[in-house]
C-alpha atoms as a PDB file:
ATOM      1  CA  UNK A   1     108.769  74.343  79.451  1.00  0.00           C
ATOM      2  CA  UNK A   2     107.389  74.982  82.947  1.00  0.00           C
ATOM      3  CA  UNK A   3     106.767  78.656  82.148  1.00  0.00           C
ATOM      4  CA  UNK A   4     104.767  77.703  79.038  1.00  0.00           C
ATOM      5  CA  UNK A   5     102.609  75.292  81.047  1.00  0.00           C
ATOM      6  CA  UNK A   6     102.248  77.829  83.860  1.00  0.00           C
ATOM      7  CA  UNK A   7     101.240  80.561  81.412  1.00  0.00           C
ATOM      8  CA  UNK A   8      98.516  78.360  79.912  1.00  0.00           C
ATOM      9  CA  UNK A   9      97.118  77.414  83.315  1.00  0.00           C
ATOM     10  CA  UNK A  10      97.308  80.899  84.846  1.00  0.00           C
ATOM     11  CA  UNK A  11      94.584  82.761  83.013  1.00  0.00           C
ATOM     12  CA  UNK A  12      93.574  86.107  84.430  1.00  0.00           C
ATOM     13  CA  UNK A  13      90.625  84.634  86.299  1.00  0.00           C
ATOM     14  CA  UNK A  14      92.799  81.909  87.830  1.00  0.00           C
ATOM     15  CA  UNK A  15      95.445  84.450  88.856  1.00  0.00           C
ATOM     16  CA  UNK A  16      92.760  86.551  90.495  1.00  0.00           C
ATOM     17  CA  UNK A  17      91.361  83.589  92.416  1.00  0.00           C
ATOM     18  CA  UNK A  18      94.842  82.468  93.498  1.00  0.00           C
ATOM     19  CA  UNK A  19      95.712  85.946  94.779  1.00  0.00           C
ATOM     20  CA  UNK A  20      92.401  86.213  96.627  1.00  0.00           C
ATOM     21  CA  UNK A  21      92.921  82.757  98.161  1.00  0.00           C
ATOM     22  CA  UNK A  22      96.403  83.774  99.328  1.00  0.00           C
ATOM     23  CA  UNK A  23      94.925  86.968 100.758  1.00  0.00           C
ATOM     24  CA  UNK A  24      92.291  84.986 102.680  1.00  0.00           C
ATOM     25  CA  UNK A  25      94.972  82.682 104.078  1.00  0.00           C
ATOM     26  CA  UNK A  26      97.132  85.678 105.063  1.00  0.00           C
ATOM     27  CA  UNK A  27      94.119  87.303 106.742  1.00  0.00           C
ATOM     28  CA  UNK A  28      93.285  84.151 108.677  1.00  0.00           C
ATOM     29  CA  UNK A  29      96.893  83.658 109.767  1.00  0.00           C
ATOM     30  CA  UNK A  30      97.064  87.314 110.792  1.00  0.00           C
ATOM     31  CA  UNK A  31      93.863  86.990 112.796  1.00  0.00           C
ATOM     32  CA  UNK A  32      95.195  83.899 114.571  1.00  0.00           C
ATOM     33  CA  UNK A  33      98.480  85.691 115.310  1.00  0.00           C
ATOM     34  CA  UNK A  34      97.016  88.976 116.568  1.00  0.00           C
ATOM     35  CA  UNK A  35      93.876  87.726 118.319  1.00  0.00           C
ATOM     36  CA  UNK A  36      94.802  84.239 119.553  1.00  0.00           C
ATOM     37  CA  UNK A  37      98.577  83.807 119.757  1.00  0.00           C
ATOM     38  CA  UNK A  38      99.561  87.239 121.111  1.00  0.00           C
ATOM     39  CA  UNK A  39      97.014  87.259 123.972  1.00  0.00           C
ATOM     40  CA  UNK A  40      97.948  83.659 124.840  1.00  0.00           C
ATOM     41  CA  UNK A  41     101.677  84.480 124.729  1.00  0.00           C
ATOM     42  CA  UNK A  42     101.114  87.602 126.819  1.00  0.00           C
ATOM     43  CA  UNK A  43      99.242  85.655 129.497  1.00  0.00           C
ATOM     44  CA  UNK A  44     101.988  83.013 129.552  1.00  0.00           C
ATOM     45  CA  UNK A  45     104.635  85.723 129.890  1.00  0.00           C
ATOM     46  CA  UNK A  46     102.747  87.319 132.773  1.00  0.00           C
ATOM     47  CA  UNK A  47     102.554  83.949 134.549  1.00  0.00           C
ATOM     48  CA  UNK A  48     106.311  83.437 134.124  1.00  0.00           C
ATOM     49  CA  UNK A  49     107.233  87.042 134.939  1.00  0.00           C
ATOM     50  CA  UNK A  50     104.485  88.721 137.009  1.00  0.00           C
ATOM     51  CA  UNK A  51     106.446  91.998 137.056  1.00  0.00           C
ATOM     52  CA  UNK A  52     105.272  92.512 133.448  1.00  0.00           C
ATOM     53  CA  UNK A  53     101.565  92.170 134.249  1.00  0.00           C
ATOM     54  CA  UNK A  54     101.020  95.931 133.949  1.00  0.00           C
ATOM     55  CA  UNK A  55     102.338  95.793 130.371  1.00  0.00           C
ATOM     56  CA  UNK A  56      99.933  93.102 129.158  1.00  0.00           C
ATOM     57  CA  UNK A  57      97.169  95.438 127.967  1.00  0.00           C
ATOM     58  CA  UNK A  58      99.399  98.256 126.658  1.00  0.00           C
ATOM     59  CA  UNK A  59     101.340  95.735 124.571  1.00  0.00           C
ATOM     60  CA  UNK A  60      98.177  94.067 123.331  1.00  0.00           C
ATOM     61  CA  UNK A  61      96.594  97.402 122.406  1.00  0.00           C
ATOM     62  CA  UNK A  62      99.816  98.360 120.605  1.00  0.00           C
ATOM     63  CA  UNK A  63      99.744  95.096 118.630  1.00  0.00           C
ATOM     64  CA  UNK A  64      96.078  95.562 117.769  1.00  0.00           C
ATOM     65  CA  UNK A  65      96.728  99.180 116.726  1.00  0.00           C
ATOM     66  CA  UNK A  66      99.443  97.868 114.417  1.00  0.00           C
ATOM     67  CA  UNK A  67      96.986  95.242 113.089  1.00  0.00           C
ATOM     68  CA  UNK A  68      94.279  97.781 112.159  1.00  0.00           C
ATOM     69  CA  UNK A  69      96.057  99.086 109.026  1.00  0.00           C
ATOM     70  CA  UNK A  70      97.087  95.548 108.102  1.00  0.00           C
ATOM     71  CA  UNK A  71      93.524  94.261 108.150  1.00  0.00           C
ATOM     72  CA  UNK A  72      92.179  97.465 106.601  1.00  0.00           C
ATOM     73  CA  UNK A  73      94.556  96.914 103.661  1.00  0.00           C
ATOM     74  CA  UNK A  74      93.012  93.492 102.995  1.00  0.00           C
ATOM     75  CA  UNK A  75      89.842  95.076 101.577  1.00  0.00           C
ATOM     76  CA  UNK A  76      91.434  97.215  98.852  1.00  0.00           C
ATOM     77  CA  UNK A  77      93.811  94.313  98.092  1.00  0.00           C
ATOM     78  CA  UNK A  78      90.796  92.059  97.581  1.00  0.00           C
ATOM     79  CA  UNK A  79      89.313  94.607  95.170  1.00  0.00           C
ATOM     80  CA  UNK A  80      92.567  94.968  93.220  1.00  0.00           C
ATOM     81  CA  UNK A  81      92.962  91.202  92.976  1.00  0.00           C
ATOM     82  CA  UNK A  82      89.336  90.826  91.921  1.00  0.00           C
ATOM     83  CA  UNK A  83      89.750  93.356  89.140  1.00  0.00           C
ATOM     84  CA  UNK A  84      92.489  91.217  87.580  1.00  0.00           C
ATOM     85  CA  UNK A  85      89.826  88.674  86.601  1.00  0.00           C
ATOM     86  CA  UNK A  86      88.018  91.244  84.444  1.00  0.00           C
ATOM     87  CA  UNK A  87      89.728  91.929  81.136  1.00  0.00           C
ATOM     88  CA  UNK A  88      91.134  95.460  81.050  1.00  0.00           C
ATOM     89  CA  UNK A  89      90.104  96.258  84.635  1.00  0.00           C
ATOM     90  CA  UNK A  90      93.502  95.848  86.311  1.00  0.00           C
ATOM     91  CA  UNK A  91      94.938  99.177  85.158  1.00  0.00           C
ATOM     92  CA  UNK A  92      92.317 101.646  86.322  1.00  0.00           C
ATOM     93  CA  UNK A  93      92.295 104.841  88.311  1.00  0.00           C
ATOM     94  CA  UNK A  94      90.309 103.006  90.999  1.00  0.00           C
ATOM     95  CA  UNK A  95      93.081 100.430  91.424  1.00  0.00           C
ATOM     96  CA  UNK A  96      95.669 103.204  91.510  1.00  0.00           C
ATOM     97  CA  UNK A  97      93.698 104.824  94.355  1.00  0.00           C
ATOM     98  CA  UNK A  98      93.411 101.473  96.144  1.00  0.00           C
ATOM     99  CA  UNK A  99      97.152 100.872  95.902  1.00  0.00           C
ATOM    100  CA  UNK A 100      97.789 104.398  97.177  1.00  0.00           C
ATOM    101  CA  UNK A 101      95.501 103.716 100.161  1.00  0.00           C
ATOM    102  CA  UNK A 102      97.428 100.519 100.929  1.00  0.00           C
ATOM    103  CA  UNK A 103     100.674 102.519 100.726  1.00  0.00           C
ATOM    104  CA  UNK A 104      99.319 105.066 103.213  1.00  0.00           C
ATOM    105  CA  UNK A 105      98.295 102.236 105.542  1.00  0.00           C
ATOM    106  CA  UNK A 106     101.840 100.840 105.381  1.00  0.00           C
ATOM    107  CA  UNK A 107     103.163 104.319 106.200  1.00  0.00           C
ATOM    108  CA  UNK A 108     100.747 104.451 109.147  1.00  0.00           C
ATOM    109  CA  UNK A 109     102.203 101.207 110.492  1.00  0.00           C
ATOM    110  CA  UNK A 110     105.691 102.676 110.048  1.00  0.00           C
ATOM    111  CA  UNK A 111     104.584 105.311 112.572  1.00  0.00           C
ATOM    112  CA  UNK A 112     102.482 103.109 114.864  1.00  0.00           C
ATOM    113  CA  UNK A 113     105.240 100.594 115.577  1.00  0.00           C
ATOM    114  CA  UNK A 114     108.003 102.947 116.792  1.00  0.00           C
ATOM    115  CA  UNK A 115     105.546 105.186 118.661  1.00  0.00           C
ATOM    116  CA  UNK A 116     104.156 102.118 120.424  1.00  0.00           C
ATOM    117  CA  UNK A 117     107.683 100.974 121.224  1.00  0.00           C
ATOM    118  CA  UNK A 118     108.462 104.348 122.813  1.00  0.00           C
ATOM    119  CA  UNK A 119     105.287 104.155 124.904  1.00  0.00           C
ATOM    120  CA  UNK A 120     106.091 100.600 126.013  1.00  0.00           C
ATOM    121  CA  UNK A 121     109.679 101.640 126.832  1.00  0.00           C
ATOM    122  CA  UNK A 122     108.390 104.579 128.902  1.00  0.00           C
ATOM    123  CA  UNK A 123     106.184 102.123 130.786  1.00  0.00           C
ATOM    124  CA  UNK A 124     109.268 100.072 131.623  1.00  0.00           C
ATOM    125  CA  UNK A 125     108.943  97.338 129.044  1.00  0.00           C
ATOM    126  CA  UNK A 126     111.665  98.173 126.570  1.00  0.00           C
ATOM    127  CA  UNK A 127     113.767  95.157 125.680  1.00  0.00           C
ATOM    128  CA  UNK A 128     117.093  95.779 123.947  1.00  0.00           C
ATOM    129  CA  UNK A 129     116.432  93.336 121.104  1.00  0.00           C
ATOM    130  CA  UNK A 130     112.974  94.749 120.466  1.00  0.00           C
ATOM    131  CA  UNK A 131     114.088  98.348 120.698  1.00  0.00           C
ATOM    132  CA  UNK A 132     117.369  98.145 118.822  1.00  0.00           C
ATOM    133  CA  UNK A 133     116.721  95.436 116.237  1.00  0.00           C
ATOM    134  CA  UNK A 134     113.038  94.697 115.690  1.00  0.00           C
ATOM    135  CA  UNK A 135     111.723  98.274 115.753  1.00  0.00           C
ATOM    136  CA  UNK A 136     114.056  99.566 113.005  1.00  0.00           C
ATOM    137  CA  UNK A 137     113.420  96.428 110.916  1.00  0.00           C
ATOM    138  CA  UNK A 138     109.635  96.666 111.150  1.00  0.00           C
ATOM    139  CA  UNK A 139     109.738 100.396 110.483  1.00  0.00           C
ATOM    140  CA  UNK A 140     112.012  99.892 107.469  1.00  0.00           C
ATOM    141  CA  UNK A 141     109.827  97.146 105.994  1.00  0.00           C
ATOM    142  CA  UNK A 142     106.664  99.199 106.479  1.00  0.00           C
ATOM    143  CA  UNK A 143     108.311 102.198 104.814  1.00  0.00           C
ATOM    144  CA  UNK A 144     109.694 100.038 102.004  1.00  0.00           C
ATOM    145  CA  UNK A 145     106.296  98.439 101.374  1.00  0.00           C
ATOM    146  CA  UNK A 146     104.653 101.858 101.430  1.00  0.00           C
ATOM    147  CA  UNK A 147     107.137 103.277  98.923  1.00  0.00           C
ATOM    148  CA  UNK A 148     106.818 100.264  96.595  1.00  0.00           C
ATOM    149  CA  UNK A 149     103.029 100.425  96.728  1.00  0.00           C
ATOM    150  CA  UNK A 150     102.999 104.184  96.184  1.00  0.00           C
ATOM    151  CA  UNK A 151     105.260 103.855  93.136  1.00  0.00           C
ATOM    152  CA  UNK A 152     103.103 100.983  91.881  1.00  0.00           C
ATOM    153  CA  UNK A 153     100.001 103.144  92.317  1.00  0.00           C
ATOM    154  CA  UNK A 154     101.632 105.847  90.186  1.00  0.00           C
ATOM    155  CA  UNK A 155     102.513 103.297  87.491  1.00  0.00           C
ATOM    156  CA  UNK A 156      98.975 101.905  87.487  1.00  0.00           C
ATOM    157  CA  UNK A 157      97.595 105.456  87.241  1.00  0.00           C
ATOM    158  CA  UNK A 158      99.909 106.154  84.282  1.00  0.00           C
ATOM    159  CA  UNK A 159      98.850 102.892  82.607  1.00  0.00           C
ATOM    160  CA  UNK A 160      95.191 103.776  83.198  1.00  0.00           C
ATOM    161  CA  UNK A 161      95.713 107.178  81.584  1.00  0.00           C
ATOM    162  CA  UNK A 162      97.408 105.554  78.577  1.00  0.00           C
ATOM    163  CA  UNK A 163      94.575 103.058  78.289  1.00  0.00           C
ATOM    164  CA  UNK A 164      91.994 105.840  78.425  1.00  0.00           C
ATOM    165  CA  UNK A 165      93.901 107.745  75.722  1.00  0.00           C
ATOM    166  CA  UNK A 166      94.027 104.620  73.549  1.00  0.00           C
ATOM    167  CA  UNK A 167      90.304 104.054  74.046  1.00  0.00           C
ATOM    168  CA  UNK A 168      89.649 107.540  72.662  1.00  0.00           C
ATOM    169  CA  UNK A 169      91.921 106.984  69.644  1.00  0.00           C
ATOM    170  CA  UNK A 170      90.226 105.727  66.525  1.00  0.00           C
END
């Protein structure tokens, strides 16, 4: 019963707006995390442990470098979500290319995080939990997201090709 009601309410335009609203919220939360919380937390850590003062800026730059692909991915996501509102515009070659770009950005973060961790460790800031647990987890999730998005881009490209073939069929 719920699925029938949900299906009636969730028209393509509503789905598109909901996804874009979620994307805006995710972007705002990400901005708060990377540009407000992390600098505040870093300053607090330096006050509690002054021996880490030299690591404040390298760690912040590393976090911001990791954030660049994340925020860059918001733009093609917005375009993909917006295309859902237009009938027949979700499965296009443009959306396949956008999903592939997002996949490449996830792969970039899978490189940025461990490289940044190595740099921080060489500067004397490697923490066992961060190095041994968090770094492999973040790297895995970035790689997994990249693979899923790349496969999805291939599926969308295949669907777009089928749609184009059907459009040419009388």
